[in-house]
Amino acid sequence: MNTLVIAIIFSVIVIGGTYYFALRMSKGTVKNMNLRIGELAAALGLPEPQMQTSFISSFYSGELSGMIEGREFYFSSFTKSEKTSDSYKTEFSWKIANAVSCKLRITKEGIKSTLNKQFGGQDIEIGHKEFDQTFLVKGDKEEFAKAILTNAISTELLKKERGIYGSITIQDDSIRYEESGVLLTDEDLQRLIRLIELCKNIAKQIETF
């Protein structure tokens, strides 16, 4: 048996093995997503989730949508292939009754944002010391941010600070939360349920503005 034949056989074994383990991992991930998103639907009183999955690839998505307490809700957790890399994202949004004419984005302070502030970057400070040290608020209108981020809302955000991995954006007629990663574990599920409730409370506050 010459070297070329051995190399071909070896390549086939490696590719086959890689495919097999990728397939096993994909099935396990999809199974966990199905379970967690189904549990989220039950917790929110929504219909069974719409899942778009492929058991021969690592790309999948799960979606939920419907009316909760008279307010339209949407949730998705998905992966997708892009030109340079693959991305993983979980997001949800609440519709608000009154569309806003400005944009507000809330994220946690990080090294990059801290450096930006030191070199002249600006964010909105609402006057709550611990909140202003923990969160970065960007927006078009300072008065809107201060009216929405009341003491009760800012305190609630601080209580859930460790579970906020992404950003909260208020724009037009919705409040949206998005983060990197997909819904797989029970810890993720419970954390997101708390964030969903938090964003609903912010939506209610916006409607009183």
Protein backbone atom coordinates (compact mmCIF):
# COMPACT_ATOMS: atom_id res chain seq x y z
CA MET A 1 0.00 0.00 0.00
CA ASN A 2 1.61 3.24 -1.12
CA THR A 3 1.80 6.50 0.80
CA LEU A 4 -0.98 8.19 -1.21
CA VAL A 5 -3.49 5.44 -0.47
CA ILE A 6 -2.62 5.54 3.25
CA ALA A 7 -3.03 9.32 3.26
CA ILE A 8 -6.45 9.06 1.57
CA ILE A 9 -7.66 6.41 4.04
CA PHE A 10 -6.40 8.47 6.98
CA SER A 11 -8.16 11.60 5.64
CA VAL A 12 -11.44 9.71 5.24
CA ILE A 13 -11.19 8.42 8.84
CA VAL A 14 -10.46 11.91 10.21
CA ILE A 15 -13.26 13.57 8.22
CA GLY A 16 -15.71 10.81 9.15
CA GLY A 17 -14.79 11.01 12.82
CA THR A 18 -15.08 14.80 12.85
CA TYR A 19 -18.49 14.61 11.17
CA TYR A 20 -19.70 11.96 13.65
CA PHE A 21 -18.70 13.97 16.73
CA ALA A 22 -20.07 17.22 15.22
CA LEU A 23 -23.35 15.42 14.54
CA ARG A 24 -23.54 14.11 18.11
CA MET A 25 -22.81 17.57 19.52
CA SER A 26 -25.35 19.19 17.21
CA LYS A 27 -28.08 16.74 18.24
CA GLY A 28 -27.31 17.34 21.92
CA THR A 29 -27.36 21.10 21.48
CA VAL A 30 -30.62 21.04 19.55
CA LYS A 31 -32.17 18.75 22.17
CA ASN A 32 -31.19 21.15 24.95
CA MET A 33 -32.49 24.14 22.99
CA ASN A 34 -35.80 22.40 22.33
CA LEU A 35 -36.15 21.58 26.01
CA ARG A 36 -35.22 25.04 27.35
CA ILE A 37 -37.27 27.01 24.80
CA GLY A 38 -40.24 24.72 25.45
CA GLU A 39 -39.86 25.45 29.17
CA LEU A 40 -39.66 29.17 28.44
CA ALA A 41 -42.86 28.98 26.39
CA ALA A 42 -44.63 27.21 29.25
CA ALA A 43 -43.36 29.76 31.79
CA LEU A 44 -44.65 32.63 29.65
CA GLY A 45 -47.92 30.94 28.65
CA LEU A 46 -47.01 30.93 24.96
CA PRO A 47 -47.70 28.27 22.27
CA GLU A 48 -45.15 25.53 21.59
CA PRO A 49 -41.97 26.96 20.05
CA GLN A 50 -41.21 27.02 16.35
CA MET A 51 -37.89 25.25 15.88
CA GLN A 52 -35.84 25.34 12.69
CA THR A 53 -33.10 22.80 13.13
CA SER A 54 -30.85 20.56 11.12
CA PHE A 55 -29.40 17.46 12.71
CA ILE A 56 -26.60 17.37 10.16
CA SER A 57 -25.24 20.82 10.98
CA SER A 58 -24.58 23.08 13.94
CA PHE A 59 -26.91 25.83 12.70
CA TYR A 60 -30.33 26.05 14.28
CA SER A 61 -32.88 28.47 15.65
CA GLY A 62 -35.82 28.51 18.01
CA GLU A 63 -38.50 31.20 18.15
CA LEU A 64 -41.39 32.19 20.37
CA SER A 65 -43.97 34.89 19.80
CA GLY A 66 -47.38 35.91 21.07
CA MET A 67 -49.36 38.24 23.30
CA ILE A 68 -48.58 38.35 27.03
CA GLU A 69 -50.71 40.54 29.28
CA GLY A 70 -51.86 42.51 26.23
CA ARG A 71 -48.32 43.18 25.03
CA GLU A 72 -46.67 41.62 21.97
CA PHE A 73 -43.58 39.53 22.76
CA TYR A 74 -40.93 37.92 20.55
CA PHE A 75 -37.98 35.66 21.46
CA SER A 76 -35.33 33.87 19.42
CA SER A 77 -32.16 31.92 20.11
CA PHE A 78 -30.12 30.95 17.06
CA THR A 79 -26.82 30.40 15.33
CA LYS A 80 -25.98 31.40 11.79
CA SER A 81 -23.08 31.14 9.41
CA GLU A 82 -21.52 34.36 8.19
CA LYS A 83 -18.74 35.08 5.70
CA THR A 84 -15.95 35.28 8.24
CA SER A 85 -17.36 33.44 11.25
CA ASP A 86 -20.34 31.81 12.90
CA SER A 87 -22.49 33.82 15.30
CA TYR A 88 -24.63 32.80 18.28
CA LYS A 89 -27.34 35.08 19.59
CA THR A 90 -30.30 35.19 21.93
CA GLU A 91 -32.71 38.11 21.82
CA PHE A 92 -36.19 39.09 22.86
CA SER A 93 -38.38 42.16 22.52
CA TRP A 94 -41.52 43.71 23.96
CA LYS A 95 -43.74 46.05 21.99
CA ILE A 96 -44.56 49.30 23.77
CA ALA A 97 -47.88 51.08 23.34
CA ASN A 98 -46.38 54.48 22.52
CA ALA A 99 -43.53 54.72 20.03
CA VAL A 100 -40.63 56.87 21.25
CA SER A 101 -38.88 59.49 19.15
CA CYS A 102 -35.41 58.75 20.49
CA LYS A 103 -33.06 55.84 21.09
CA LEU A 104 -31.67 54.59 24.40
CA ARG A 105 -29.11 51.81 24.85
CA ILE A 106 -28.07 50.31 28.19
CA THR A 107 -25.01 48.08 28.62
CA LYS A 108 -22.72 47.22 31.49
CA GLU A 109 -19.57 49.24 31.95
CA GLY A 110 -16.47 47.48 30.67
CA ILE A 111 -12.80 48.22 30.13
CA LYS A 112 -13.45 49.64 26.67
CA SER A 113 -16.28 51.95 27.77
CA THR A 114 -14.31 53.10 30.82
CA LEU A 115 -11.35 54.05 28.61
CA ASN A 116 -13.66 55.85 26.17
CA LYS A 117 -15.07 57.95 29.02
CA GLN A 118 -11.59 58.81 30.24
CA PHE A 119 -10.68 60.05 26.78
CA GLY A 120 -13.77 62.20 26.31
CA GLY A 121 -16.49 59.67 25.46
CA GLN A 122 -19.84 60.61 26.92
CA ASP A 123 -22.69 58.65 28.43
CA ILE A 124 -25.79 59.72 30.31
CA GLU A 125 -25.55 59.74 34.09
CA ILE A 126 -28.91 59.44 35.82
CA GLY A 127 -27.73 60.50 39.28
CA HIS A 128 -27.77 57.05 40.90
CA LYS A 129 -24.10 56.58 41.87
CA GLU A 130 -23.95 52.78 41.89
CA PHE A 131 -25.99 52.52 38.69
CA ASP A 132 -23.83 55.11 36.89
CA GLN A 133 -20.70 53.19 37.90
CA THR A 134 -22.14 49.87 36.73
CA PHE A 135 -24.00 50.73 33.52
CA LEU A 136 -23.27 52.69 30.38
CA VAL A 137 -26.28 54.60 29.04
CA LYS A 138 -26.22 56.07 25.53
CA GLY A 139 -29.10 58.04 24.07
CA ASP A 140 -30.41 61.01 22.17
CA LYS A 141 -32.27 62.62 25.06
CA GLU A 142 -30.98 62.81 28.61
CA GLU A 143 -34.37 63.76 30.04
CA PHE A 144 -35.93 60.63 28.52
CA ALA A 145 -33.24 58.39 30.03
CA LYS A 146 -33.71 59.91 33.48
CA ALA A 147 -37.50 59.62 33.26
CA ILE A 148 -37.31 55.94 32.27
CA LEU A 149 -34.47 54.86 34.56
CA THR A 150 -36.25 55.70 37.79
CA ASN A 151 -34.86 54.69 41.16
CA ALA A 152 -37.03 51.54 41.11
CA ILE A 153 -35.91 50.55 37.58
CA SER A 154 -32.23 51.33 38.18
CA THR A 155 -32.31 49.35 41.44
CA GLU A 156 -33.91 46.41 39.63
CA LEU A 157 -31.21 46.59 36.93
CA LEU A 158 -28.52 46.56 39.60
CA LYS A 159 -30.08 43.51 41.28
CA LYS A 160 -29.95 41.64 37.96
CA GLU A 161 -26.59 43.08 36.87
CA ARG A 162 -24.73 39.76 37.01
CA GLY A 163 -27.24 38.20 34.64
CA ILE A 164 -27.07 40.93 32.01
CA TYR A 165 -24.61 39.76 29.37
CA GLY A 166 -25.77 41.93 26.49
CA SER A 167 -27.57 45.19 25.77
CA ILE A 168 -31.04 46.67 26.27
CA THR A 169 -32.19 48.97 23.47
CA ILE A 170 -35.28 51.17 23.47
CA GLN A 171 -36.18 52.45 20.01
CA ASP A 172 -39.37 53.22 18.08
CA ASP A 173 -42.13 50.96 19.46
CA SER A 174 -40.11 48.25 21.19
CA ILE A 175 -37.62 47.44 23.92
CA ARG A 176 -35.13 44.77 22.87
CA TYR A 177 -32.53 42.73 24.73
CA GLU A 178 -29.78 40.83 22.89
CA GLU A 179 -26.70 38.87 23.92
CA SER A 180 -24.18 36.47 22.42
CA GLY A 181 -24.82 32.76 22.98
CA VAL A 182 -27.82 30.46 22.83
CA LEU A 183 -30.32 29.24 25.43
CA LEU A 184 -29.02 25.86 26.61
CA THR A 185 -28.97 25.54 30.40
CA ASP A 186 -31.53 25.89 33.17
CA GLU A 187 -29.41 28.74 34.56
CA ASP A 188 -29.76 30.56 31.23
CA LEU A 189 -33.50 29.94 31.30
CA GLN A 190 -34.04 31.36 34.79
CA ARG A 191 -31.76 34.32 34.09
CA LEU A 192 -33.64 35.20 30.89
CA ILE A 193 -37.03 34.88 32.58
CA ARG A 194 -35.88 37.51 35.09
CA LEU A 195 -34.61 39.77 32.30
CA ILE A 196 -37.85 39.39 30.36
CA GLU A 197 -39.79 40.56 33.42
CA LEU A 198 -37.34 43.44 33.91
CA CYS A 199 -37.76 44.66 30.34
CA LYS A 200 -41.54 44.41 30.65
CA ASN A 201 -41.35 46.71 33.67
CA ILE A 202 -39.23 49.17 31.67
CA ALA A 203 -41.82 49.02 28.86
CA LYS A 204 -44.54 49.89 31.38
CA GLN A 205 -42.46 52.81 32.62
CA ILE A 206 -42.00 54.08 29.06
CA GLU A 207 -45.77 54.04 28.58
CA THR A 208 -46.19 56.46 31.48
CA PHE A 209 -43.68 58.93 30.05
